[in-house]
Amino acid sequence: MPGPIRRVGRSSVLLSAGVSPARVAERLGHDVKTLLATYAHVIWKDEDRVRSIVDDSLGGSAEDFLRIGTV
């Protein structure tokens, strides 16, 4: 597999696993702004997982929490 493909794949795996964008950027030699401009689509694909984590930690729906300020 060519280097650029491995680099994108590795970055995507790290971001999807929840590794801090700052750490991933550091490993790639990017600043965070460049990393997010390039790989933001990977983070947005995790919306269902993020919603589930937030819901579990709040003990209810994140949407309800944001709408009324408490669960």
PDB file of N, CA and C in Angstrom:
ATOM      1  N   MET A   1       0.849  -1.178   0.000  1.00  0.00           N
ATOM      2  CA  MET A   1       0.000   0.000   0.000  1.00  0.00           C
ATOM      3  C   MET A   1       0.891   1.237   0.000  1.00  0.00           C
ATOM      4  N   PRO A   2       0.635   2.182  -0.910  1.00  0.00           N
ATOM      5  CA  PRO A   2       1.459   3.394  -0.963  1.00  0.00           C
ATOM      6  C   PRO A   2       1.385   4.203   0.326  1.00  0.00           C
ATOM      7  N   GLY A   3       2.462   4.941   0.601  1.00  0.00           N
ATOM      8  CA  GLY A   3       2.563   5.732   1.823  1.00  0.00           C
ATOM      9  C   GLY A   3       1.398   6.663   2.095  1.00  0.00           C
ATOM     10  N   PRO A   4       0.953   7.476   1.103  1.00  0.00           N
ATOM     11  CA  PRO A   4      -0.156   8.402   1.379  1.00  0.00           C
ATOM     12  C   PRO A   4      -1.442   7.681   1.790  1.00  0.00           C
ATOM     13  N   ILE A   5      -1.698   6.510   1.206  1.00  0.00           N
ATOM     14  CA  ILE A   5      -2.903   5.758   1.564  1.00  0.00           C
ATOM     15  C   ILE A   5      -2.787   5.243   2.991  1.00  0.00           C
ATOM     16  N   ARG A   6      -1.629   4.734   3.361  1.00  0.00           N
ATOM     17  CA  ARG A   6      -1.415   4.277   4.745  1.00  0.00           C
ATOM     18  C   ARG A   6      -1.581   5.436   5.714  1.00  0.00           C
ATOM     19  N   ARG A   7      -1.075   6.591   5.326  1.00  0.00           N
ATOM     20  CA  ARG A   7      -1.140   7.777   6.186  1.00  0.00           C
ATOM     21  C   ARG A   7      -2.593   8.187   6.439  1.00  0.00           C
ATOM     22  N   VAL A   8      -3.403   8.232   5.385  1.00  0.00           N
ATOM     23  CA  VAL A   8      -4.819   8.574   5.514  1.00  0.00           C
ATOM     24  C   VAL A   8      -5.541   7.510   6.335  1.00  0.00           C
ATOM     25  N   GLY A   9      -5.258   6.259   6.049  1.00  0.00           N
ATOM     26  CA  GLY A   9      -5.897   5.174   6.789  1.00  0.00           C
ATOM     27  C   GLY A   9      -5.563   5.203   8.257  1.00  0.00           C
ATOM     28  N   ARG A  10      -4.305   5.392   8.565  1.00  0.00           N
ATOM     29  CA  ARG A  10      -3.860   5.448   9.961  1.00  0.00           C
ATOM     30  C   ARG A  10      -4.496   6.632  10.675  1.00  0.00           C
ATOM     31  N   SER A  11      -4.537   7.764  10.018  1.00  0.00           N
ATOM     32  CA  SER A  11      -5.141   8.963  10.606  1.00  0.00           C
ATOM     33  C   SER A  11      -6.622   8.739  10.867  1.00  0.00           C
ATOM     34  N   SER A  12      -7.308   8.161   9.904  1.00  0.00           N
ATOM     35  CA  SER A  12      -8.738   7.897  10.053  1.00  0.00           C
ATOM     36  C   SER A  12      -9.010   6.936  11.204  1.00  0.00           C
ATOM     37  N   VAL A  13      -8.208   5.894  11.323  1.00  0.00           N
ATOM     38  CA  VAL A  13      -8.382   4.927  12.407  1.00  0.00           C
ATOM     39  C   VAL A  13      -8.170   5.600  13.759  1.00  0.00           C
ATOM     40  N   LEU A  14      -7.128   6.393  13.880  1.00  0.00           N
ATOM     41  CA  LEU A  14      -6.849   7.076  15.148  1.00  0.00           C
ATOM     42  C   LEU A  14      -7.966   8.034  15.526  1.00  0.00           C
ATOM     43  N   LEU A  15      -8.424   8.835  14.580  1.00  0.00           N
ATOM     44  CA  LEU A  15      -9.494   9.785  14.869  1.00  0.00           C
ATOM     45  C   LEU A  15     -10.791   9.065  15.221  1.00  0.00           C
ATOM     46  N   SER A  16     -11.123   8.011  14.484  1.00  0.00           N
ATOM     47  CA  SER A  16     -12.340   7.253  14.763  1.00  0.00           C
ATOM     48  C   SER A  16     -12.281   6.546  16.106  1.00  0.00           C
ATOM     49  N   ALA A  17     -11.074   6.234  16.560  1.00  0.00           N
ATOM     50  CA  ALA A  17     -10.912   5.579  17.862  1.00  0.00           C
ATOM     51  C   ALA A  17     -10.964   6.582  19.010  1.00  0.00           C
ATOM     52  N   GLY A  18     -11.064   7.851  18.675  1.00  0.00           N
ATOM     53  CA  GLY A  18     -11.185   8.865  19.713  1.00  0.00           C
ATOM     54  C   GLY A  18      -9.879   9.484  20.156  1.00  0.00           C
ATOM     55  N   VAL A  19      -8.803   9.224  19.425  1.00  0.00           N
ATOM     56  CA  VAL A  19      -7.520   9.842  19.761  1.00  0.00           C
ATOM     57  C   VAL A  19      -7.634  11.344  19.515  1.00  0.00           C
ATOM     58  N   SER A  20      -7.086  12.114  20.398  1.00  0.00           N
ATOM     59  CA  SER A  20      -7.143  13.565  20.309  1.00  0.00           C
ATOM     60  C   SER A  20      -6.613  14.054  18.960  1.00  0.00           C
ATOM     61  N   PRO A  21      -7.360  14.948  18.298  1.00  0.00           N
ATOM     62  CA  PRO A  21      -6.848  15.519  17.044  1.00  0.00           C
ATOM     63  C   PRO A  21      -5.473  16.159  17.210  1.00  0.00           C
ATOM     64  N   ALA A  22      -5.185  16.709  18.372  1.00  0.00           N
ATOM     65  CA  ALA A  22      -3.863  17.300  18.601  1.00  0.00           C
ATOM     66  C   ALA A  22      -2.767  16.242  18.508  1.00  0.00           C
ATOM     67  N   ARG A  23      -3.027  15.054  19.064  1.00  0.00           N
ATOM     68  CA  ARG A  23      -2.031  13.968  19.005  1.00  0.00           C
ATOM     69  C   ARG A  23      -1.861  13.450  17.582  1.00  0.00           C
ATOM     70  N   VAL A  24      -2.980  13.287  16.866  1.00  0.00           N
ATOM     71  CA  VAL A  24      -2.896  12.801  15.486  1.00  0.00           C
ATOM     72  C   VAL A  24      -2.148  13.826  14.634  1.00  0.00           C
ATOM     73  N   ALA A  25      -2.459  15.106  14.803  1.00  0.00           N
ATOM     74  CA  ALA A  25      -1.773  16.161  14.046  1.00  0.00           C
ATOM     75  C   ALA A  25      -0.279  16.127  14.317  1.00  0.00           C
ATOM     76  N   GLU A  26       0.072  15.951  15.576  1.00  0.00           N
ATOM     77  CA  GLU A  26       1.490  15.900  15.947  1.00  0.00           C
ATOM     78  C   GLU A  26       2.194  14.751  15.231  1.00  0.00           C
ATOM     79  N   ARG A  27       1.561  13.601  15.181  1.00  0.00           N
ATOM     80  CA  ARG A  27       2.165  12.439  14.520  1.00  0.00           C
ATOM     81  C   ARG A  27       2.329  12.648  13.023  1.00  0.00           C
ATOM     82  N   LEU A  28       1.399  13.404  12.432  1.00  0.00           N
ATOM     83  CA  LEU A  28       1.453  13.648  10.986  1.00  0.00           C
ATOM     84  C   LEU A  28       2.333  14.831  10.611  1.00  0.00           C
ATOM     85  N   GLY A  29       2.690  15.638  11.614  1.00  0.00           N
ATOM     86  CA  GLY A  29       3.467  16.836  11.330  1.00  0.00           C
ATOM     87  C   GLY A  29       2.595  17.985  10.853  1.00  0.00           C
ATOM     88  N   HIS A  30       1.289  17.905  11.182  1.00  0.00           N
ATOM     89  CA  HIS A  30       0.348  18.974  10.835  1.00  0.00           C
ATOM     90  C   HIS A  30       0.086  19.819  12.071  1.00  0.00           C
ATOM     91  N   ASP A  31      -0.505  20.988  11.836  1.00  0.00           N
ATOM     92  CA  ASP A  31      -1.125  21.682  12.961  1.00  0.00           C
ATOM     93  C   ASP A  31      -2.572  21.175  13.008  1.00  0.00           C
ATOM     94  N   VAL A  32      -3.276  21.434  14.090  1.00  0.00           N
ATOM     95  CA  VAL A  32      -4.633  20.913  14.262  1.00  0.00           C
ATOM     96  C   VAL A  32      -5.569  21.462  13.182  1.00  0.00           C
ATOM     97  N   LYS A  33      -5.390  22.717  12.816  1.00  0.00           N
ATOM     98  CA  LYS A  33      -6.238  23.327  11.795  1.00  0.00           C
ATOM     99  C   LYS A  33      -6.142  22.567  10.468  1.00  0.00           C
ATOM    100  N   THR A  34      -4.922  22.223  10.059  1.00  0.00           N
ATOM    101  CA  THR A  34      -4.719  21.474   8.817  1.00  0.00           C
ATOM    102  C   THR A  34      -5.315  20.079   8.927  1.00  0.00           C
ATOM    103  N   LEU A  35      -5.077  19.432  10.064  1.00  0.00           N
ATOM    104  CA  LEU A  35      -5.616  18.084  10.268  1.00  0.00           C
ATOM    105  C   LEU A  35      -7.136  18.103  10.145  1.00  0.00           C
ATOM    106  N   LEU A  36      -7.790  19.025  10.836  1.00  0.00           N
ATOM    107  CA  LEU A  36      -9.252  19.057  10.818  1.00  0.00           C
ATOM    108  C   LEU A  36      -9.796  19.429   9.443  1.00  0.00           C
ATOM    109  N   ALA A  37      -9.100  20.304   8.733  1.00  0.00           N
ATOM    110  CA  ALA A  37      -9.533  20.658   7.382  1.00  0.00           C
ATOM    111  C   ALA A  37      -9.444  19.452   6.449  1.00  0.00           C
ATOM    112  N   THR A  38      -8.470  18.589   6.700  1.00  0.00           N
ATOM    113  CA  THR A  38      -8.245  17.431   5.841  1.00  0.00           C
ATOM    114  C   THR A  38      -9.086  16.231   6.246  1.00  0.00           C
ATOM    115  N   TYR A  39      -9.260  16.003   7.532  1.00  0.00           N
ATOM    116  CA  TYR A  39      -9.874  14.769   8.031  1.00  0.00           C
ATOM    117  C   TYR A  39     -11.184  14.974   8.777  1.00  0.00           C
ATOM    118  N   ALA A  40     -11.776  16.142   8.715  1.00  0.00           N
ATOM    119  CA  ALA A  40     -13.024  16.399   9.452  1.00  0.00           C
ATOM    120  C   ALA A  40     -14.116  15.403   9.074  1.00  0.00           C
ATOM    121  N   HIS A  41     -14.141  14.971   7.829  1.00  0.00           N
ATOM    122  CA  HIS A  41     -15.175  14.020   7.400  1.00  0.00           C
ATOM    123  C   HIS A  41     -15.129  12.733   8.213  1.00  0.00           C
ATOM    124  N   VAL A  42     -13.944  12.345   8.664  1.00  0.00           N
ATOM    125  CA  VAL A  42     -13.816  11.132   9.474  1.00  0.00           C
ATOM    126  C   VAL A  42     -14.493  11.334  10.827  1.00  0.00           C
ATOM    127  N   ILE A  43     -14.290  12.491  11.411  1.00  0.00           N
ATOM    128  CA  ILE A  43     -14.867  12.777  12.717  1.00  0.00           C
ATOM    129  C   ILE A  43     -16.385  12.852  12.610  1.00  0.00           C
ATOM    130  N   TRP A  44     -16.922  13.477  11.584  1.00  0.00           N
ATOM    131  CA  TRP A  44     -18.370  13.610  11.438  1.00  0.00           C
ATOM    132  C   TRP A  44     -19.039  12.274  11.210  1.00  0.00           C
ATOM    133  N   LYS A  45     -18.342  11.307  10.634  1.00  0.00           N
ATOM    134  CA  LYS A  45     -18.923   9.977  10.430  1.00  0.00           C
ATOM    135  C   LYS A  45     -19.196   9.272  11.753  1.00  0.00           C
ATOM    136  N   ASP A  46     -18.580   9.715  12.819  1.00  0.00           N
ATOM    137  CA  ASP A  46     -18.743   9.089  14.125  1.00  0.00           C
ATOM    138  C   ASP A  46     -19.897   9.672  14.930  1.00  0.00           C
ATOM    139  N   GLU A  47     -20.771  10.425  14.305  1.00  0.00           N
ATOM    140  CA  GLU A  47     -21.837  11.117  15.023  1.00  0.00           C
ATOM    141  C   GLU A  47     -22.705  10.169  15.855  1.00  0.00           C
ATOM    142  N   ASP A  48     -23.065   9.007  15.309  1.00  0.00           N
ATOM    143  CA  ASP A  48     -23.896   8.068  16.068  1.00  0.00           C
ATOM    144  C   ASP A  48     -23.173   7.579  17.319  1.00  0.00           C
ATOM    145  N   ARG A  49     -21.891   7.295  17.194  1.00  0.00           N
ATOM    146  CA  ARG A  49     -21.113   6.836  18.346  1.00  0.00           C
ATOM    147  C   ARG A  49     -20.999   7.943  19.386  1.00  0.00           C
ATOM    148  N   VAL A  50     -20.765   9.157  18.939  1.00  0.00           N
ATOM    149  CA  VAL A  50     -20.659  10.291  19.857  1.00  0.00           C
ATOM    150  C   VAL A  50     -21.989  10.507  20.572  1.00  0.00           C
ATOM    151  N   ARG A  51     -23.071  10.463  19.827  1.00  0.00           N
ATOM    152  CA  ARG A  51     -24.396  10.650  20.427  1.00  0.00           C
ATOM    153  C   ARG A  51     -24.658   9.591  21.492  1.00  0.00           C
ATOM    154  N   SER A  52     -24.302   8.362  21.210  1.00  0.00           N
ATOM    155  CA  SER A  52     -24.497   7.276  22.161  1.00  0.00           C
ATOM    156  C   SER A  52     -23.683   7.494  23.438  1.00  0.00           C
ATOM    157  N   ILE A  53     -22.444   7.923  23.290  1.00  0.00           N
ATOM    158  CA  ILE A  53     -21.586   8.182  24.456  1.00  0.00           C
ATOM    159  C   ILE A  53     -22.165   9.309  25.296  1.00  0.00           C
ATOM    160  N   VAL A  54     -22.597  10.372  24.644  1.00  0.00           N
ATOM    161  CA  VAL A  54     -23.178  11.501  25.370  1.00  0.00           C
ATOM    162  C   VAL A  54     -24.466  11.065  26.064  1.00  0.00           C
ATOM    163  N   ASP A  55     -25.320  10.345  25.357  1.00  0.00           N
ATOM    164  CA  ASP A  55     -26.568   9.882  25.954  1.00  0.00           C
ATOM    165  C   ASP A  55     -26.296   9.014  27.177  1.00  0.00           C
ATOM    166  N   ASP A  56     -25.328   8.100  27.076  1.00  0.00           N
ATOM    167  CA  ASP A  56     -24.994   7.228  28.204  1.00  0.00           C
ATOM    168  C   ASP A  56     -24.465   8.026  29.388  1.00  0.00           C
ATOM    169  N   SER A  57     -23.639   9.016  29.116  1.00  0.00           N
ATOM    170  CA  SER A  57     -23.044   9.774  30.217  1.00  0.00           C
ATOM    171  C   SER A  57     -24.049  10.709  30.878  1.00  0.00           C
ATOM    172  N   LEU A  58     -25.070  11.162  30.134  1.00  0.00           N
ATOM    173  CA  LEU A  58     -26.079  12.057  30.693  1.00  0.00           C
ATOM    174  C   LEU A  58     -27.250  11.296  31.310  1.00  0.00           C
ATOM    175  N   GLY A  59     -27.344  10.007  30.978  1.00  0.00           N
ATOM    176  CA  GLY A  59     -28.468   9.234  31.479  1.00  0.00           C
ATOM    177  C   GLY A  59     -29.756   9.545  30.738  1.00  0.00           C
ATOM    178  N   GLY A  60     -29.651  10.115  29.571  1.00  0.00           N
ATOM    179  CA  GLY A  60     -30.815  10.457  28.753  1.00  0.00           C
ATOM    180  C   GLY A  60     -30.356  10.957  27.407  1.00  0.00           C
ATOM    181  N   SER A  61     -31.264  11.537  26.672  1.00  0.00           N
ATOM    182  CA  SER A  61     -30.980  12.020  25.332  1.00  0.00           C
ATOM    183  C   SER A  61     -30.192  13.324  25.353  1.00  0.00           C
ATOM    184  N   ALA A  62     -29.148  13.400  24.548  1.00  0.00           N
ATOM    185  CA  ALA A  62     -28.380  14.642  24.427  1.00  0.00           C
ATOM    186  C   ALA A  62     -29.259  15.756  23.883  1.00  0.00           C
ATOM    187  N   GLU A  63     -30.172  15.421  22.962  1.00  0.00           N
ATOM    188  CA  GLU A  63     -31.068  16.431  22.416  1.00  0.00           C
ATOM    189  C   GLU A  63     -31.966  16.999  23.509  1.00  0.00           C
ATOM    190  N   ASP A  64     -32.482  16.131  24.397  1.00  0.00           N
ATOM    191  CA  ASP A  64     -33.307  16.610  25.509  1.00  0.00           C
ATOM    192  C   ASP A  64     -32.496  17.502  26.434  1.00  0.00           C
ATOM    193  N   PHE A  65     -31.264  17.109  26.710  1.00  0.00           N
ATOM    194  CA  PHE A  65     -30.402  17.889  27.585  1.00  0.00           C
ATOM    195  C   PHE A  65     -30.177  19.284  27.009  1.00  0.00           C
ATOM    196  N   LEU A  66     -29.890  19.345  25.725  1.00  0.00           N
ATOM    197  CA  LEU A  66     -29.628  20.637  25.098  1.00  0.00           C
ATOM    198  C   LEU A  66     -30.904  21.491  25.027  1.00  0.00           C
ATOM    199  N   ARG A  67     -32.045  20.837  24.853  1.00  0.00           N
ATOM    200  CA  ARG A  67     -33.297  21.576  24.727  1.00  0.00           C
ATOM    201  C   ARG A  67     -33.740  22.182  26.051  1.00  0.00           C
ATOM    202  N   ILE A  68     -33.612  21.420  27.158  1.00  0.00           N
ATOM    203  CA  ILE A  68     -34.129  21.921  28.433  1.00  0.00           C
ATOM    204  C   ILE A  68     -33.053  22.251  29.447  1.00  0.00           C
ATOM    205  N   GLY A  69     -31.802  21.907  29.152  1.00  0.00           N
ATOM    206  CA  GLY A  69     -30.693  22.243  30.054  1.00  0.00           C
ATOM    207  C   GLY A  69     -30.438  21.225  31.132  1.00  0.00           C
ATOM    208  N   THR A  70     -31.338  20.278  31.322  1.00  0.00           N
ATOM    209  CA  THR A  70     -31.120  19.177  32.269  1.00  0.00           C
ATOM    210  C   THR A  70     -31.813  17.943  31.738  1.00  0.00           C
ATOM    211  N   VAL A  71     -31.468  16.838  32.314  1.00  0.00           N
ATOM    212  CA  VAL A  71     -32.133  15.590  31.920  1.00  0.00           C
ATOM    213  C   VAL A  71     -33.045  15.188  33.044  1.00  0.00           C
TER     214      VAL A  71
END
